[in-house]
PDB file of all heavy atoms in Angstrom:
ATOM      1  N   TYR A   1     136.187  17.049  83.194  1.00  0.00           N
ATOM      2  CA  TYR A   1     137.477  17.665  83.411  1.00  0.00           C
ATOM      3  C   TYR A   1     137.475  19.046  82.691  1.00  0.00           C
ATOM      4  O   TYR A   1     137.994  20.042  83.277  1.00  0.00           O
ATOM      5  CB  TYR A   1     138.577  16.790  82.823  1.00  0.00           C
ATOM      6  CG  TYR A   1     139.959  17.372  82.947  1.00  0.00           C
ATOM      7  CD1 TYR A   1     140.664  17.373  84.212  1.00  0.00           C
ATOM      8  CD2 TYR A   1     140.578  17.959  81.837  1.00  0.00           C
ATOM      9  CE1 TYR A   1     141.889  17.921  84.294  1.00  0.00           C
ATOM     10  CE2 TYR A   1     141.867  18.511  81.944  1.00  0.00           C
ATOM     11  CZ  TYR A   1     142.509  18.482  83.150  1.00  0.00           C
ATOM     12  OH  TYR A   1     143.752  19.040  83.299  1.00  0.00           O
ATOM     13  N   ARG A   2     136.970  19.166  81.452  1.00  0.00           N
ATOM     14  CA  ARG A   2     137.013  20.391  80.724  1.00  0.00           C
ATOM     15  C   ARG A   2     136.220  21.445  81.436  1.00  0.00           C
ATOM     16  O   ARG A   2     136.656  22.555  81.557  1.00  0.00           O
ATOM     17  CB  ARG A   2     136.404  20.162  79.327  1.00  0.00           C
ATOM     18  CG  ARG A   2     136.535  21.402  78.462  1.00  0.00           C
ATOM     19  CD  ARG A   2     135.769  21.276  77.107  1.00  0.00           C
ATOM     20  NE  ARG A   2     134.299  21.118  77.342  1.00  0.00           N
ATOM     21  CZ  ARG A   2     133.594  22.217  77.616  1.00  0.00           C
ATOM     22  NH1 ARG A   2     134.056  23.441  77.742  1.00  0.00           N
ATOM     23  NH2 ARG A   2     132.280  22.086  77.717  1.00  0.00           N
ATOM     24  N   ARG A   3     135.054  21.057  81.959  1.00  0.00           N
ATOM     25  CA  ARG A   3     134.233  22.073  82.653  1.00  0.00           C
ATOM     26  C   ARG A   3     134.881  22.552  83.928  1.00  0.00           C
ATOM     27  O   ARG A   3     134.795  23.661  84.336  1.00  0.00           O
ATOM     28  CB  ARG A   3     132.888  21.487  82.989  1.00  0.00           C
ATOM     29  CG  ARG A   3     131.944  21.396  81.797  1.00  0.00           C
ATOM     30  CD  ARG A   3     130.644  20.910  82.158  1.00  0.00           C
ATOM     31  NE  ARG A   3     129.729  20.923  81.003  1.00  0.00           N
ATOM     32  CZ  ARG A   3     128.513  21.378  81.034  1.00  0.00           C
ATOM     33  NH1 ARG A   3     128.027  21.881  82.152  1.00  0.00           N
ATOM     34  NH2 ARG A   3     127.763  21.385  79.953  1.00  0.00           N
ATOM     35  N   GLY A   4     135.588  21.639  84.570  1.00  0.00           N
ATOM     36  CA  GLY A   4     136.278  22.031  85.852  1.00  0.00           C
ATOM     37  C   GLY A   4     137.435  22.957  85.612  1.00  0.00           C
ATOM     38  O   GLY A   4     137.817  23.686  86.481  1.00  0.00           O
ATOM     39  N   ASN A   5     138.039  22.939  84.429  1.00  0.00           N
ATOM     40  CA  ASN A   5     139.121  23.803  84.100  1.00  0.00           C
ATOM     41  C   ASN A   5     138.706  25.027  83.340  1.00  0.00           C
ATOM     42  O   ASN A   5     139.519  25.886  82.988  1.00  0.00           O
ATOM     43  CB  ASN A   5     140.170  23.030  83.291  1.00  0.00           C
ATOM     44  CG  ASN A   5     140.920  22.090  84.111  1.00  0.00           C
ATOM     45  OD1 ASN A   5     141.205  22.351  85.237  1.00  0.00           O
ATOM     46  ND2 ASN A   5     141.242  20.953  83.539  1.00  0.00           N
ATOM     47  N   ASP A   6     137.381  25.219  83.093  1.00  0.00           N
ATOM     48  CA  ASP A   6     136.880  26.378  82.373  1.00  0.00           C
ATOM     49  C   ASP A   6     136.973  27.578  83.298  1.00  0.00           C
ATOM     50  O   ASP A   6     136.454  27.526  84.365  1.00  0.00           O
ATOM     51  CB  ASP A   6     135.404  26.068  82.006  1.00  0.00           C
ATOM     52  CG  ASP A   6     134.817  27.158  81.159  1.00  0.00           C
ATOM     53  OD1 ASP A   6     135.167  28.367  81.381  1.00  0.00           O
ATOM     54  OD2 ASP A   6     133.953  26.862  80.316  1.00  0.00           O
ATOM     55  N   PRO A   7     137.634  28.678  82.852  1.00  0.00           N
ATOM     56  CA  PRO A   7     137.767  29.856  83.684  1.00  0.00           C
ATOM     57  C   PRO A   7     136.421  30.379  84.189  1.00  0.00           C
ATOM     58  O   PRO A   7     136.328  30.833  85.360  1.00  0.00           O
ATOM     59  CB  PRO A   7     138.468  30.868  82.846  1.00  0.00           C
ATOM     60  CG  PRO A   7     139.190  30.047  81.791  1.00  0.00           C
ATOM     61  CD  PRO A   7     138.337  28.839  81.548  1.00  0.00           C
ATOM     62  N   ALA A   8     135.412  30.376  83.304  1.00  0.00           N
ATOM     63  CA  ALA A   8     134.100  30.881  83.775  1.00  0.00           C
ATOM     64  C   ALA A   8     133.530  30.045  84.922  1.00  0.00           C
ATOM     65  O   ALA A   8     132.930  30.549  85.891  1.00  0.00           O
ATOM     66  CB  ALA A   8     133.162  30.890  82.551  1.00  0.00           C
ATOM     67  N   MET A   9     133.685  28.733  84.817  1.00  0.00           N
ATOM     68  CA  MET A   9     133.195  27.833  85.909  1.00  0.00           C
ATOM     69  C   MET A   9     134.005  28.027  87.167  1.00  0.00           C
ATOM     70  O   MET A   9     133.482  27.972  88.236  1.00  0.00           O
ATOM     71  CB  MET A   9     133.204  26.388  85.422  1.00  0.00           C
ATOM     72  CG  MET A   9     132.116  26.027  84.417  1.00  0.00           C
ATOM     73  SD  MET A   9     130.442  26.364  84.991  1.00  0.00           S
ATOM     74  CE  MET A   9     130.312  25.074  86.205  1.00  0.00           C
ATOM     75  N   GLN A  10     135.309  28.227  87.042  1.00  0.00           N
ATOM     76  CA  GLN A  10     136.154  28.464  88.187  1.00  0.00           C
ATOM     77  C   GLN A  10     135.673  29.826  88.876  1.00  0.00           C
ATOM     78  O   GLN A  10     135.548  29.820  90.089  1.00  0.00           O
ATOM     79  CB  GLN A  10     137.599  28.548  87.802  1.00  0.00           C
ATOM     80  CG  GLN A  10     138.174  27.216  87.439  1.00  0.00           C
ATOM     81  CD  GLN A  10     139.567  27.310  86.914  1.00  0.00           C
ATOM     82  OE1 GLN A  10     140.100  28.383  86.633  1.00  0.00           O
ATOM     83  NE2 GLN A  10     140.183  26.164  86.762  1.00  0.00           N
ATOM     84  N   GLU A  11     135.376  30.854  88.089  1.00  0.00           N
ATOM     85  CA  GLU A  11     134.883  32.083  88.672  1.00  0.00           C
ATOM     86  C   GLU A  11     133.496  31.822  89.351  1.00  0.00           C
ATOM     87  O   GLU A  11     133.222  32.407  90.390  1.00  0.00           O
ATOM     88  CB  GLU A  11     134.695  33.116  87.573  1.00  0.00           C
ATOM     89  CG  GLU A  11     135.998  33.699  87.053  1.00  0.00           C
ATOM     90  CD  GLU A  11     135.657  34.797  86.015  1.00  0.00           C
ATOM     91  OE1 GLU A  11     134.949  35.770  86.379  1.00  0.00           O
ATOM     92  OE2 GLU A  11     136.169  34.663  84.910  1.00  0.00           O
ATOM     93  N   TYR A  12     132.669  31.013  88.658  1.00  0.00           N
ATOM     94  CA  TYR A  12     131.354  30.687  89.247  1.00  0.00           C
ATOM     95  C   TYR A  12     131.492  30.055  90.615  1.00  0.00           C
ATOM     96  O   TYR A  12     130.847  30.480  91.542  1.00  0.00           O
ATOM     97  CB  TYR A  12     130.578  29.807  88.309  1.00  0.00           C
ATOM     98  CG  TYR A  12     129.361  29.186  88.886  1.00  0.00           C
ATOM     99  CD1 TYR A  12     128.169  29.930  89.054  1.00  0.00           C
ATOM    100  CD2 TYR A  12     129.299  27.832  89.228  1.00  0.00           C
ATOM    101  CE1 TYR A  12     127.025  29.369  89.549  1.00  0.00           C
ATOM    102  CE2 TYR A  12     128.204  27.279  89.746  1.00  0.00           C
ATOM    103  CZ  TYR A  12     127.029  28.082  89.940  1.00  0.00           C
ATOM    104  OH  TYR A  12     125.845  27.531  90.439  1.00  0.00           O
ATOM    105  N   HIS A  13     132.341  29.060  90.691  1.00  0.00           N
ATOM    106  CA  HIS A  13     132.492  28.341  91.989  1.00  0.00           C
ATOM    107  C   HIS A  13     133.027  29.256  93.086  1.00  0.00           C
ATOM    108  O   HIS A  13     132.594  29.236  94.255  1.00  0.00           O
ATOM    109  CB  HIS A  13     133.381  27.089  91.834  1.00  0.00           C
ATOM    110  CG  HIS A  13     132.714  26.052  91.052  1.00  0.00           C
ATOM    111  ND1 HIS A  13     131.599  25.329  91.520  1.00  0.00           N
ATOM    112  CD2 HIS A  13     132.973  25.497  89.795  1.00  0.00           C
ATOM    113  CE1 HIS A  13     131.193  24.448  90.628  1.00  0.00           C
ATOM    114  NE2 HIS A  13     131.991  24.549  89.583  1.00  0.00           N
ATOM    115  N   ALA A  14     133.989  30.119  92.708  1.00  0.00           N
ATOM    116  CA  ALA A  14     134.584  31.068  93.656  1.00  0.00           C
ATOM    117  C   ALA A  14     133.502  32.080  94.185  1.00  0.00           C
ATOM    118  O   ALA A  14     133.473  32.337  95.390  1.00  0.00           O
ATOM    119  CB  ALA A  14     135.757  31.808  93.059  1.00  0.00           C
ATOM    120  N   ILE A  15     132.765  32.591  93.269  1.00  0.00           N
ATOM    121  CA  ILE A  15     131.761  33.677  93.731  1.00  0.00           C
ATOM    122  C   ILE A  15     130.636  33.021  94.516  1.00  0.00           C
ATOM    123  O   ILE A  15     130.111  33.619  95.459  1.00  0.00           O
ATOM    124  CB  ILE A  15     131.262  34.460  92.516  1.00  0.00           C
ATOM    125  CG1 ILE A  15     130.779  35.855  92.952  1.00  0.00           C
ATOM    126  CG2 ILE A  15     130.206  33.761  91.703  1.00  0.00           C
ATOM    127  CD1 ILE A  15     130.544  36.870  91.888  1.00  0.00           C
ATOM    128  N   VAL A  16     130.205  31.821  94.133  1.00  0.00           N
ATOM    129  CA  VAL A  16     129.180  31.109  94.906  1.00  0.00           C
ATOM    130  C   VAL A  16     129.663  30.919  96.369  1.00  0.00           C
ATOM    131  O   VAL A  16     128.876  31.127  97.308  1.00  0.00           O
ATOM    132  CB  VAL A  16     128.755  29.806  94.174  1.00  0.00           C
ATOM    133  CG1 VAL A  16     127.936  28.950  95.191  1.00  0.00           C
ATOM    134  CG2 VAL A  16     127.993  30.085  92.951  1.00  0.00           C
ATOM    135  N   LYS A  17     130.877  30.517  96.529  1.00  0.00           N
ATOM    136  CA  LYS A  17     131.465  30.303  97.873  1.00  0.00           C
ATOM    137  C   LYS A  17     131.386  31.587  98.655  1.00  0.00           C
ATOM    138  O   LYS A  17     131.054  31.673  99.841  1.00  0.00           O
ATOM    139  CB  LYS A  17     132.838  29.782  97.814  1.00  0.00           C
ATOM    140  CG  LYS A  17     132.940  28.296  97.449  1.00  0.00           C
ATOM    141  CD  LYS A  17     134.390  27.854  97.438  1.00  0.00           C
ATOM    142  CE  LYS A  17     134.470  26.366  96.997  1.00  0.00           C
ATOM    143  NZ  LYS A  17     135.841  25.923  96.959  1.00  0.00           N
ATOM    144  N   GLN A  18     131.754  32.695  98.001  1.00  0.00           N
ATOM    145  CA  GLN A  18     131.734  34.029  98.702  1.00  0.00           C
ATOM    146  C   GLN A  18     130.301  34.413  99.065  1.00  0.00           C
ATOM    147  O   GLN A  18     130.043  34.908 100.119  1.00  0.00           O
ATOM    148  CB  GLN A  18     132.359  35.083  97.744  1.00  0.00           C
ATOM    149  CG  GLN A  18     133.861  34.892  97.567  1.00  0.00           C
ATOM    150  CD  GLN A  18     134.482  35.917  96.619  1.00  0.00           C
ATOM    151  OE1 GLN A  18     133.765  36.674  96.029  1.00  0.00           O
ATOM    152  NE2 GLN A  18     135.771  35.858  96.479  1.00  0.00           N
ATOM    153  N   ILE A  19     129.354  34.192  98.078  1.00  0.00           N
ATOM    154  CA  ILE A  19     127.973  34.529  98.403  1.00  0.00           C
ATOM    155  C   ILE A  19     127.479  33.695  99.521  1.00  0.00           C
ATOM    156  O   ILE A  19     126.793  34.196 100.411  1.00  0.00           O
ATOM    157  CB  ILE A  19     127.131  34.376  97.118  1.00  0.00           C
ATOM    158  CG1 ILE A  19     127.562  35.408  96.048  1.00  0.00           C
ATOM    159  CG2 ILE A  19     125.634  34.419  97.429  1.00  0.00           C
ATOM    160  CD1 ILE A  19     126.947  35.160  94.660  1.00  0.00           C
ATOM    161  N   GLU A  20     127.713  32.436  99.521  1.00  0.00           N
ATOM    162  CA  GLU A  20     127.237  31.513 100.582  1.00  0.00           C
ATOM    163  C   GLU A  20     127.824  31.863 101.880  1.00  0.00           C
ATOM    164  O   GLU A  20     127.206  31.691 102.956  1.00  0.00           O
ATOM    165  CB  GLU A  20     127.526  30.069 100.202  1.00  0.00           C
ATOM    166  CG  GLU A  20     126.658  29.559  99.075  1.00  0.00           C
ATOM    167  CD  GLU A  20     126.961  28.140  98.560  1.00  0.00           C
ATOM    168  OE1 GLU A  20     128.153  27.665  98.937  1.00  0.00           O
ATOM    169  OE2 GLU A  20     126.122  27.569  97.886  1.00  0.00           O
ATOM    170  N   ALA A  21     129.053  32.471 101.903  1.00  0.00           N
ATOM    171  CA  ALA A  21     129.695  32.898 103.185  1.00  0.00           C
ATOM    172  C   ALA A  21     129.164  34.208 103.640  1.00  0.00           C
ATOM    173  O   ALA A  21     129.474  34.674 104.724  1.00  0.00           O
ATOM    174  CB  ALA A  21     131.174  32.966 102.945  1.00  0.00           C
ATOM    175  N   GLY A  22     128.372  34.926 102.832  1.00  0.00           N
ATOM    176  CA  GLY A  22     127.748  36.183 103.222  1.00  0.00           C
ATOM    177  C   GLY A  22     128.560  37.374 102.879  1.00  0.00           C
ATOM    178  O   GLY A  22     128.212  38.497 103.361  1.00  0.00           O
ATOM    179  N   TYR A  23     129.608  37.295 102.088  1.00  0.00           N
ATOM    180  CA  TYR A  23     130.367  38.429 101.736  1.00  0.00           C
ATOM    181  C   TYR A  23     129.624  39.369 100.870  1.00  0.00           C
ATOM    182  O   TYR A  23     128.840  38.949  99.967  1.00  0.00           O
ATOM    183  CB  TYR A  23     131.650  37.993 100.981  1.00  0.00           C
ATOM    184  CG  TYR A  23     132.688  37.324 101.848  1.00  0.00           C
ATOM    185  CD1 TYR A  23     132.864  35.945 101.624  1.00  0.00           C
ATOM    186  CD2 TYR A  23     133.402  37.962 102.804  1.00  0.00           C
ATOM    187  CE1 TYR A  23     133.797  35.241 102.412  1.00  0.00           C
ATOM    188  CE2 TYR A  23     134.326  37.210 103.624  1.00  0.00           C
ATOM    189  CZ  TYR A  23     134.475  35.883 103.422  1.00  0.00           C
ATOM    190  OH  TYR A  23     135.366  35.190 104.158  1.00  0.00           O
ATOM    191  N   PRO A  24     129.739  40.721 101.109  1.00  0.00           N
ATOM    192  CA  PRO A  24     129.042  41.655 100.250  1.00  0.00           C
ATOM    193  C   PRO A  24     129.612  41.613  98.811  1.00  0.00           C
ATOM    194  O   PRO A  24     130.781  41.531  98.613  1.00  0.00           O
ATOM    195  CB  PRO A  24     129.289  43.041 100.920  1.00  0.00           C
ATOM    196  CG  PRO A  24     130.012  42.803 102.119  1.00  0.00           C
ATOM    197  CD  PRO A  24     130.442  41.380 102.173  1.00  0.00           C
ATOM    198  N   MET A  25     128.708  41.704  97.833  1.00  0.00           N
ATOM    199  CA  MET A  25     129.149  41.616  96.465  1.00  0.00           C
ATOM    200  C   MET A  25     128.681  42.890  95.710  1.00  0.00           C
ATOM    201  O   MET A  25     127.586  43.341  95.963  1.00  0.00           O
ATOM    202  CB  MET A  25     128.502  40.389  95.744  1.00  0.00           C
ATOM    203  CG  MET A  25     128.758  39.072  96.448  1.00  0.00           C
ATOM    204  SD  MET A  25     130.450  38.569  96.566  1.00  0.00           S
ATOM    205  CE  MET A  25     130.924  38.423  94.901  1.00  0.00           C
ATOM    206  N   HIS A  26     129.534  43.352  94.807  1.00  0.00           N
ATOM    207  CA  HIS A  26     129.105  44.446  93.940  1.00  0.00           C
ATOM    208  C   HIS A  26     128.336  43.879  92.778  1.00  0.00           C
ATOM    209  O   HIS A  26     128.701  42.866  92.187  1.00  0.00           O
ATOM    210  CB  HIS A  26     130.359  45.182  93.444  1.00  0.00           C
ATOM    211  CG  HIS A  26     130.033  46.448  92.741  1.00  0.00           C
ATOM    212  ND1 HIS A  26     129.672  46.522  91.401  1.00  0.00           N
ATOM    213  CD2 HIS A  26     129.986  47.728  93.203  1.00  0.00           C
ATOM    214  CE1 HIS A  26     129.388  47.783  91.076  1.00  0.00           C
ATOM    215  NE2 HIS A  26     129.618  48.525  92.171  1.00  0.00           N
ATOM    216  N   PRO A  27     127.211  44.516  92.424  1.00  0.00           N
ATOM    217  CA  PRO A  27     126.412  43.976  91.325  1.00  0.00           C
ATOM    218  C   PRO A  27     127.123  43.771  90.004  1.00  0.00           C
ATOM    219  O   PRO A  27     126.865  42.790  89.345  1.00  0.00           O
ATOM    220  CB  PRO A  27     125.314  45.065  91.111  1.00  0.00           C
ATOM    221  CG  PRO A  27     125.197  45.732  92.443  1.00  0.00           C
ATOM    222  CD  PRO A  27     126.590  45.710  93.051  1.00  0.00           C
ATOM    223  N   GLN A  28     128.045  44.643  89.671  1.00  0.00           N
ATOM    224  CA  GLN A  28     128.823  44.468  88.412  1.00  0.00           C
ATOM    225  C   GLN A  28     129.726  43.231  88.450  1.00  0.00           C
ATOM    226  O   GLN A  28     129.872  42.547  87.446  1.00  0.00           O
ATOM    227  CB  GLN A  28     129.665  45.707  88.095  1.00  0.00           C
ATOM    228  CG  GLN A  28     130.318  45.658  86.698  1.00  0.00           C
ATOM    229  CD  GLN A  28     129.261  45.554  85.625  1.00  0.00           C
ATOM    230  OE1 GLN A  28     128.315  46.334  85.553  1.00  0.00           O
ATOM    231  NE2 GLN A  28     129.410  44.590  84.751  1.00  0.00           N
ATOM    232  N   GLU A  29     130.241  42.891  89.665  1.00  0.00           N
ATOM    233  CA  GLU A  29     131.112  41.760  89.784  1.00  0.00           C
ATOM    234  C   GLU A  29     130.245  40.373  89.507  1.00  0.00           C
ATOM    235  O   GLU A  29     130.721  39.559  88.759  1.00  0.00           O
ATOM    236  CB  GLU A  29     131.642  41.673  91.238  1.00  0.00           C
ATOM    237  CG  GLU A  29     132.618  40.523  91.436  1.00  0.00           C
ATOM    238  CD  GLU A  29     133.117  40.543  92.862  1.00  0.00           C
ATOM    239  OE1 GLU A  29     132.709  41.382  93.713  1.00  0.00           O
ATOM    240  OE2 GLU A  29     134.035  39.725  93.119  1.00  0.00           O
ATOM    241  N   VAL A  30     129.060  40.422  90.038  1.00  0.00           N
ATOM    242  CA  VAL A  30     128.167  39.287  89.727  1.00  0.00           C
ATOM    243  C   VAL A  30     127.740  39.207  88.305  1.00  0.00           C
ATOM    244  O   VAL A  30     127.748  38.180  87.629  1.00  0.00           O
ATOM    245  CB  VAL A  30     126.897  39.322  90.665  1.00  0.00           C
ATOM    246  CG1 VAL A  30     125.945  38.195  90.375  1.00  0.00           C
ATOM    247  CG2 VAL A  30     127.349  39.280  92.116  1.00  0.00           C
ATOM    248  N   GLN A  31     127.434  40.384  87.713  1.00  0.00           N
ATOM    249  CA  GLN A  31     127.036  40.396  86.320  1.00  0.00           C
ATOM    250  C   GLN A  31     128.154  39.986  85.358  1.00  0.00           C
ATOM    251  O   GLN A  31     127.902  39.291  84.383  1.00  0.00           O
ATOM    252  CB  GLN A  31     126.548  41.871  85.937  1.00  0.00           C
ATOM    253  CG  GLN A  31     125.984  41.945  84.534  1.00  0.00           C
ATOM    254  CD  GLN A  31     124.754  41.050  84.418  1.00  0.00           C
ATOM    255  OE1 GLN A  31     123.776  41.194  85.136  1.00  0.00           O
ATOM    256  NE2 GLN A  31     124.707  40.172  83.374  1.00  0.00           N
ATOM    257  N   ASP A  32     129.382  40.328  85.695  1.00  0.00           N
ATOM    258  CA  ASP A  32     130.512  39.904  84.912  1.00  0.00           C
ATOM    259  C   ASP A  32     130.661  38.394  84.807  1.00  0.00           C
ATOM    260  O   ASP A  32     130.914  37.809  83.797  1.00  0.00           O
ATOM    261  CB  ASP A  32     131.856  40.555  85.435  1.00  0.00           C
ATOM    262  CG  ASP A  32     131.953  42.063  85.160  1.00  0.00           C
ATOM    263  OD1 ASP A  32     131.140  42.598  84.350  1.00  0.00           O
ATOM    264  OD2 ASP A  32     132.789  42.656  85.818  1.00  0.00           O
ATOM    265  N   VAL A  33     130.411  37.758  85.969  1.00  0.00           N
ATOM    266  CA  VAL A  33     130.509  36.266  86.047  1.00  0.00           C
ATOM    267  C   VAL A  33     129.302  35.701  85.287  1.00  0.00           C
ATOM    268  O   VAL A  33     129.469  34.744  84.491  1.00  0.00           O
ATOM    269  CB  VAL A  33     130.560  35.754  87.471  1.00  0.00           C
ATOM    270  CG1 VAL A  33     130.525  34.244  87.502  1.00  0.00           C
ATOM    271  CG2 VAL A  33     131.788  36.300  88.148  1.00  0.00           C
ATOM    272  N   ILE A  34     128.153  36.246  85.420  1.00  0.00           N
ATOM    273  CA  ILE A  34     126.949  35.805  84.672  1.00  0.00           C
ATOM    274  C   ILE A  34     127.209  35.921  83.150  1.00  0.00           C
ATOM    275  O   ILE A  34     126.969  34.967  82.426  1.00  0.00           O
ATOM    276  CB  ILE A  34     125.699  36.571  85.082  1.00  0.00           C
ATOM    277  CG1 ILE A  34     125.254  36.215  86.458  1.00  0.00           C
ATOM    278  CG2 ILE A  34     124.568  36.300  84.085  1.00  0.00           C
ATOM    279  CD1 ILE A  34     124.207  37.072  87.068  1.00  0.00           C
ATOM    280  N   ASP A  35     127.722  37.019  82.729  1.00  0.00           N
ATOM    281  CA  ASP A  35     128.061  37.223  81.309  1.00  0.00           C
ATOM    282  C   ASP A  35     129.117  36.193  80.772  1.00  0.00           C
ATOM    283  O   ASP A  35     128.955  35.619  79.700  1.00  0.00           O
ATOM    284  CB  ASP A  35     128.595  38.632  81.066  1.00  0.00           C
ATOM    285  CG  ASP A  35     127.520  39.690  81.284  1.00  0.00           C
ATOM    286  OD1 ASP A  35     126.307  39.362  81.286  1.00  0.00           O
ATOM    287  OD2 ASP A  35     127.903  40.854  81.399  1.00  0.00           O
ATOM    288  N   ALA A  36     130.163  35.963  81.597  1.00  0.00           N
ATOM    289  CA  ALA A  36     131.155  35.027  81.230  1.00  0.00           C
ATOM    290  C   ALA A  36     130.598  33.614  81.097  1.00  0.00           C
ATOM    291  O   ALA A  36     130.880  32.836  80.169  1.00  0.00           O
ATOM    292  CB  ALA A  36     132.283  34.996  82.224  1.00  0.00           C
TER     293      ALA A  36
END
């Protein structure tokens, strides 16, 4: 439950869905999530 509510994990799941759908991503956007 804690991991599911973690903002970094929520960002991770959202960006993975976008990547899997083929949306173009800015490198800094991806790096920000990696850092978080």
